Amino acid sequence: TKVIIEHDMHVVFSLADRISVLSGGRIIAEGLPDEVRGNVKVQEAYLGGAHRLEEATH
């Protein structure tokens, strides 16, 4: 088990088997990369909203 703290979502999605996402000191999402990638709160906080999701994952 390793813990990586990273803000670059490209890196996170490519390396992690499970992801916990924090925003404002609170966990806003946990799960598999595809689950977290599809989470609206994660999209708003780190991916610039749903319209930028495609850009952040490629």
PDB file of N, CA and C in Angstrom:
ATOM      1  N   THR A   1       0.848  -1.184   0.000  1.00  0.00           N
ATOM      2  CA  THR A   1       0.000   0.000   0.000  1.00  0.00           C
ATOM      3  C   THR A   1       0.884   1.235   0.000  1.00  0.00           C
ATOM      4  N   LYS A   2       0.547   2.171  -0.853  1.00  0.00           N
ATOM      5  CA  LYS A   2       1.257   3.446  -0.905  1.00  0.00           C
ATOM      6  C   LYS A   2       0.244   4.570  -0.882  1.00  0.00           C
ATOM      7  N   VAL A   3       0.619   5.665  -0.275  1.00  0.00           N
ATOM      8  CA  VAL A   3      -0.209   6.864  -0.273  1.00  0.00           C
ATOM      9  C   VAL A   3       0.516   7.920  -1.086  1.00  0.00           C
ATOM     10  N   ILE A   4      -0.169   8.450  -2.081  1.00  0.00           N
ATOM     11  CA  ILE A   4       0.397   9.501  -2.926  1.00  0.00           C
ATOM     12  C   ILE A   4      -0.518  10.708  -2.827  1.00  0.00           C
ATOM     13  N   ILE A   5       0.061  11.847  -2.558  1.00  0.00           N
ATOM     14  CA  ILE A   5      -0.697  13.092  -2.561  1.00  0.00           C
ATOM     15  C   ILE A   5      -0.327  13.814  -3.841  1.00  0.00           C
ATOM     16  N   GLU A   6      -1.315  14.004  -4.698  1.00  0.00           N
ATOM     17  CA  GLU A   6      -1.044  14.555  -6.032  1.00  0.00           C
ATOM     18  C   GLU A   6      -2.245  15.367  -6.499  1.00  0.00           C
ATOM     19  N   HIS A   7      -1.979  16.493  -7.120  1.00  0.00           N
ATOM     20  CA  HIS A   7      -3.046  17.338  -7.649  1.00  0.00           C
ATOM     21  C   HIS A   7      -3.208  17.198  -9.160  1.00  0.00           C
ATOM     22  N   ASP A   8      -2.284  16.560  -9.804  1.00  0.00           N
ATOM     23  CA  ASP A   8      -2.365  16.349 -11.249  1.00  0.00           C
ATOM     24  C   ASP A   8      -3.243  15.127 -11.501  1.00  0.00           C
ATOM     25  N   MET A   9      -4.459  15.366 -11.946  1.00  0.00           N
ATOM     26  CA  MET A   9      -5.421  14.279 -12.092  1.00  0.00           C
ATOM     27  C   MET A   9      -5.012  13.273 -13.165  1.00  0.00           C
ATOM     28  N   HIS A  10      -4.218  13.696 -14.141  1.00  0.00           N
ATOM     29  CA  HIS A  10      -3.696  12.744 -15.135  1.00  0.00           C
ATOM     30  C   HIS A  10      -2.860  11.678 -14.426  1.00  0.00           C
ATOM     31  N   VAL A  11      -2.010  12.115 -13.521  1.00  0.00           N
ATOM     32  CA  VAL A  11      -1.148  11.199 -12.765  1.00  0.00           C
ATOM     33  C   VAL A  11      -1.989  10.304 -11.865  1.00  0.00           C
ATOM     34  N   VAL A  12      -2.915  10.907 -11.153  1.00  0.00           N
ATOM     35  CA  VAL A  12      -3.759  10.148 -10.229  1.00  0.00           C
ATOM     36  C   VAL A  12      -4.508   9.034 -10.955  1.00  0.00           C
ATOM     37  N   PHE A  13      -5.192   9.376 -12.044  1.00  0.00           N
ATOM     38  CA  PHE A  13      -5.987   8.378 -12.758  1.00  0.00           C
ATOM     39  C   PHE A  13      -5.118   7.297 -13.396  1.00  0.00           C
ATOM     40  N   SER A  14      -3.884   7.616 -13.741  1.00  0.00           N
ATOM     41  CA  SER A  14      -3.031   6.618 -14.389  1.00  0.00           C
ATOM     42  C   SER A  14      -2.340   5.683 -13.396  1.00  0.00           C
ATOM     43  N   LEU A  15      -2.158   6.105 -12.149  1.00  0.00           N
ATOM     44  CA  LEU A  15      -1.409   5.306 -11.185  1.00  0.00           C
ATOM     45  C   LEU A  15      -2.259   4.561 -10.161  1.00  0.00           C
ATOM     46  N   ALA A  16      -3.371   5.137  -9.769  1.00  0.00           N
ATOM     47  CA  ALA A  16      -4.091   4.636  -8.597  1.00  0.00           C
ATOM     48  C   ALA A  16      -5.078   3.519  -8.918  1.00  0.00           C
ATOM     49  N   ASP A  17      -5.162   2.571  -7.985  1.00  0.00           N
ATOM     50  CA  ASP A  17      -6.192   1.537  -8.034  1.00  0.00           C
ATOM     51  C   ASP A  17      -7.449   2.007  -7.305  1.00  0.00           C
ATOM     52  N   ARG A  18      -7.247   2.755  -6.233  1.00  0.00           N
ATOM     53  CA  ARG A  18      -8.339   3.359  -5.467  1.00  0.00           C
ATOM     54  C   ARG A  18      -7.936   4.793  -5.167  1.00  0.00           C
ATOM     55  N   ILE A  19      -8.933   5.675  -5.125  1.00  0.00           N
ATOM     56  CA  ILE A  19      -8.668   7.100  -4.955  1.00  0.00           C
ATOM     57  C   ILE A  19      -9.583   7.666  -3.878  1.00  0.00           C
ATOM     58  N   SER A  20      -9.014   8.514  -3.028  1.00  0.00           N
ATOM     59  CA  SER A  20      -9.785   9.341  -2.103  1.00  0.00           C
ATOM     60  C   SER A  20      -9.501  10.779  -2.490  1.00  0.00           C
ATOM     61  N   VAL A  21     -10.552  11.566  -2.648  1.00  0.00           N
ATOM     62  CA  VAL A  21     -10.404  12.956  -3.075  1.00  0.00           C
ATOM     63  C   VAL A  21     -10.852  13.867  -1.944  1.00  0.00           C
ATOM     64  N   LEU A  22      -9.986  14.816  -1.595  1.00  0.00           N
ATOM     65  CA  LEU A  22     -10.310  15.789  -0.569  1.00  0.00           C
ATOM     66  C   LEU A  22     -10.478  17.163  -1.184  1.00  0.00           C
ATOM     67  N   SER A  23     -11.384  17.929  -0.621  1.00  0.00           N
ATOM     68  CA  SER A  23     -11.567  19.322  -1.002  1.00  0.00           C
ATOM     69  C   SER A  23     -11.955  20.073   0.261  1.00  0.00           C
ATOM     70  N   GLY A  24     -11.246  21.118   0.560  1.00  0.00           N
ATOM     71  CA  GLY A  24     -11.537  21.876   1.770  1.00  0.00           C
ATOM     72  C   GLY A  24     -11.345  21.067   3.034  1.00  0.00           C
ATOM     73  N   GLY A  25     -10.428  20.103   2.994  1.00  0.00           N
ATOM     74  CA  GLY A  25     -10.135  19.282   4.164  1.00  0.00           C
ATOM     75  C   GLY A  25     -11.120  18.149   4.414  1.00  0.00           C
ATOM     76  N   ARG A  26     -12.045  17.935   3.497  1.00  0.00           N
ATOM     77  CA  ARG A  26     -13.039  16.872   3.650  1.00  0.00           C
ATOM     78  C   ARG A  26     -13.000  15.924   2.449  1.00  0.00           C
ATOM     79  N   ILE A  27     -13.265  14.652   2.722  1.00  0.00           N
ATOM     80  CA  ILE A  27     -13.338  13.671   1.638  1.00  0.00           C
ATOM     81  C   ILE A  27     -14.630  13.913   0.861  1.00  0.00           C
ATOM     82  N   ILE A  28     -14.487  14.142  -0.443  1.00  0.00           N
ATOM     83  CA  ILE A  28     -15.669  14.364  -1.281  1.00  0.00           C
ATOM     84  C   ILE A  28     -15.973  13.163  -2.172  1.00  0.00           C
ATOM     85  N   ALA A  29     -15.014  12.246  -2.296  1.00  0.00           N
ATOM     86  CA  ALA A  29     -15.239  11.048  -3.112  1.00  0.00           C
ATOM     87  C   ALA A  29     -14.190  10.002  -2.782  1.00  0.00           C
ATOM     88  N   GLU A  30     -14.585   8.742  -2.897  1.00  0.00           N
ATOM     89  CA  GLU A  30     -13.677   7.610  -2.739  1.00  0.00           C
ATOM     90  C   GLU A  30     -14.123   6.516  -3.692  1.00  0.00           C
ATOM     91  N   GLY A  31     -13.156   5.777  -4.214  1.00  0.00           N
ATOM     92  CA  GLY A  31     -13.519   4.643  -5.049  1.00  0.00           C
ATOM     93  C   GLY A  31     -12.502   4.353  -6.124  1.00  0.00           C
ATOM     94  N   LEU A  32     -12.934   3.589  -7.100  1.00  0.00           N
ATOM     95  CA  LEU A  32     -12.102   3.241  -8.249  1.00  0.00           C
ATOM     96  C   LEU A  32     -11.945   4.466  -9.147  1.00  0.00           C
ATOM     97  N   PRO A  33     -10.878   4.513  -9.941  1.00  0.00           N
ATOM     98  CA  PRO A  33     -10.662   5.682 -10.801  1.00  0.00           C
ATOM     99  C   PRO A  33     -11.874   6.069 -11.651  1.00  0.00           C
ATOM    100  N   ASP A  34     -12.539   5.108 -12.264  1.00  0.00           N
ATOM    101  CA  ASP A  34     -13.706   5.431 -13.095  1.00  0.00           C
ATOM    102  C   ASP A  34     -14.852   6.010 -12.272  1.00  0.00           C
ATOM    103  N   GLU A  35     -15.027   5.513 -11.040  1.00  0.00           N
ATOM    104  CA  GLU A  35     -16.069   6.047 -10.162  1.00  0.00           C
ATOM    105  C   GLU A  35     -15.759   7.488  -9.775  1.00  0.00           C
ATOM    106  N   VAL A  36     -14.520   7.732  -9.402  1.00  0.00           N
ATOM    107  CA  VAL A  36     -14.110   9.074  -8.986  1.00  0.00           C
ATOM    108  C   VAL A  36     -14.151  10.031 -10.169  1.00  0.00           C
ATOM    109  N   ARG A  37     -13.698   9.582 -11.314  1.00  0.00           N
ATOM    110  CA  ARG A  37     -13.700  10.412 -12.529  1.00  0.00           C
ATOM    111  C   ARG A  37     -15.114  10.885 -12.865  1.00  0.00           C
ATOM    112  N   GLY A  38     -16.110  10.047 -12.612  1.00  0.00           N
ATOM    113  CA  GLY A  38     -17.489  10.386 -12.926  1.00  0.00           C
ATOM    114  C   GLY A  38     -18.226  11.143 -11.834  1.00  0.00           C
ATOM    115  N   ASN A  39     -17.567  11.396 -10.712  1.00  0.00           N
ATOM    116  CA  ASN A  39     -18.206  12.075  -9.591  1.00  0.00           C
ATOM    117  C   ASN A  39     -18.316  13.574  -9.873  1.00  0.00           C
ATOM    118  N   VAL A  40     -19.521  14.113  -9.779  1.00  0.00           N
ATOM    119  CA  VAL A  40     -19.762  15.521 -10.097  1.00  0.00           C
ATOM    120  C   VAL A  40     -18.967  16.449  -9.182  1.00  0.00           C
ATOM    121  N   LYS A  41     -18.861  16.120  -7.894  1.00  0.00           N
ATOM    122  CA  LYS A  41     -18.108  16.974  -6.962  1.00  0.00           C
ATOM    123  C   LYS A  41     -16.633  17.030  -7.346  1.00  0.00           C
ATOM    124  N   VAL A  42     -16.078  15.906  -7.764  1.00  0.00           N
ATOM    125  CA  VAL A  42     -14.678  15.865  -8.197  1.00  0.00           C
ATOM    126  C   VAL A  42     -14.511  16.677  -9.476  1.00  0.00           C
ATOM    127  N   GLN A  43     -15.437  16.523 -10.392  1.00  0.00           N
ATOM    128  CA  GLN A  43     -15.369  17.276 -11.649  1.00  0.00           C
ATOM    129  C   GLN A  43     -15.375  18.773 -11.377  1.00  0.00           C
ATOM    130  N   GLU A  44     -16.236  19.216 -10.475  1.00  0.00           N
ATOM    131  CA  GLU A  44     -16.324  20.639 -10.166  1.00  0.00           C
ATOM    132  C   GLU A  44     -15.080  21.142  -9.441  1.00  0.00           C
ATOM    133  N   ALA A  45     -14.559  20.347  -8.499  1.00  0.00           N
ATOM    134  CA  ALA A  45     -13.432  20.787  -7.677  1.00  0.00           C
ATOM    135  C   ALA A  45     -12.095  20.732  -8.405  1.00  0.00           C
ATOM    136  N   TYR A  46     -11.879  19.697  -9.223  1.00  0.00           N
ATOM    137  CA  TYR A  46     -10.547  19.475  -9.782  1.00  0.00           C
ATOM    138  C   TYR A  46     -10.470  19.405 -11.296  1.00  0.00           C
ATOM    139  N   LEU A  47     -11.577  19.166 -11.938  1.00  0.00           N
ATOM    140  CA  LEU A  47     -11.527  18.970 -13.383  1.00  0.00           C
ATOM    141  C   LEU A  47     -12.181  20.115 -14.147  1.00  0.00           C
ATOM    142  N   GLY A  48     -12.570  21.167 -13.448  1.00  0.00           N
ATOM    143  CA  GLY A  48     -13.143  22.331 -14.111  1.00  0.00           C
ATOM    144  C   GLY A  48     -14.565  22.133 -14.575  1.00  0.00           C
ATOM    145  N   GLY A  49     -15.287  21.199 -13.975  1.00  0.00           N
ATOM    146  CA  GLY A  49     -16.673  20.948 -14.355  1.00  0.00           C
ATOM    147  C   GLY A  49     -16.779  19.805 -15.335  1.00  0.00           C
ATOM    148  N   ALA A  50     -17.990  19.355 -15.547  1.00  0.00           N
ATOM    149  CA  ALA A  50     -18.235  18.179 -16.389  1.00  0.00           C
ATOM    150  C   ALA A  50     -17.761  18.375 -17.821  1.00  0.00           C
ATOM    151  N   HIS A  51     -17.803  19.606 -18.331  1.00  0.00           N
ATOM    152  CA  HIS A  51     -17.398  19.843 -19.717  1.00  0.00           C
ATOM    153  C   HIS A  51     -15.908  19.650 -19.936  1.00  0.00           C
ATOM    154  N   ARG A  52     -15.103  19.644 -18.870  1.00  0.00           N
ATOM    155  CA  ARG A  52     -13.657  19.472 -19.000  1.00  0.00           C
ATOM    156  C   ARG A  52     -13.220  18.057 -18.678  1.00  0.00           C
ATOM    157  N   LEU A  53     -14.138  17.184 -18.323  1.00  0.00           N
ATOM    158  CA  LEU A  53     -13.797  15.815 -17.937  1.00  0.00           C
ATOM    159  C   LEU A  53     -13.008  15.105 -19.022  1.00  0.00           C
ATOM    160  N   GLU A  54     -13.418  15.219 -20.243  1.00  0.00           N
ATOM    161  CA  GLU A  54     -12.742  14.542 -21.351  1.00  0.00           C
ATOM    162  C   GLU A  54     -11.290  14.991 -21.452  1.00  0.00           C
ATOM    163  N   GLU A  55     -11.029  16.280 -21.276  1.00  0.00           N
ATOM    164  CA  GLU A  55      -9.663  16.808 -21.352  1.00  0.00           C
ATOM    165  C   GLU A  55      -8.791  16.254 -20.236  1.00  0.00           C
ATOM    166  N   ALA A  56      -9.325  16.122 -19.037  1.00  0.00           N
ATOM    167  CA  ALA A  56      -8.539  15.703 -17.880  1.00  0.00           C
ATOM    168  C   ALA A  56      -8.195  14.224 -17.904  1.00  0.00           C
ATOM    169  N   THR A  57      -8.892  13.453 -18.684  1.00  0.00           N
ATOM    170  CA  THR A  57      -8.654  12.012 -18.677  1.00  0.00           C
ATOM    171  C   THR A  57      -7.849  11.539 -19.874  1.00  0.00           C
ATOM    172  N   HIS A  58      -7.465  12.445 -20.767  1.00  0.00           N
ATOM    173  CA  HIS A  58      -6.689  12.048 -21.944  1.00  0.00           C
ATOM    174  C   HIS A  58      -5.379  12.770 -22.021  1.00  0.00           C
TER     175      HIS A  58
END
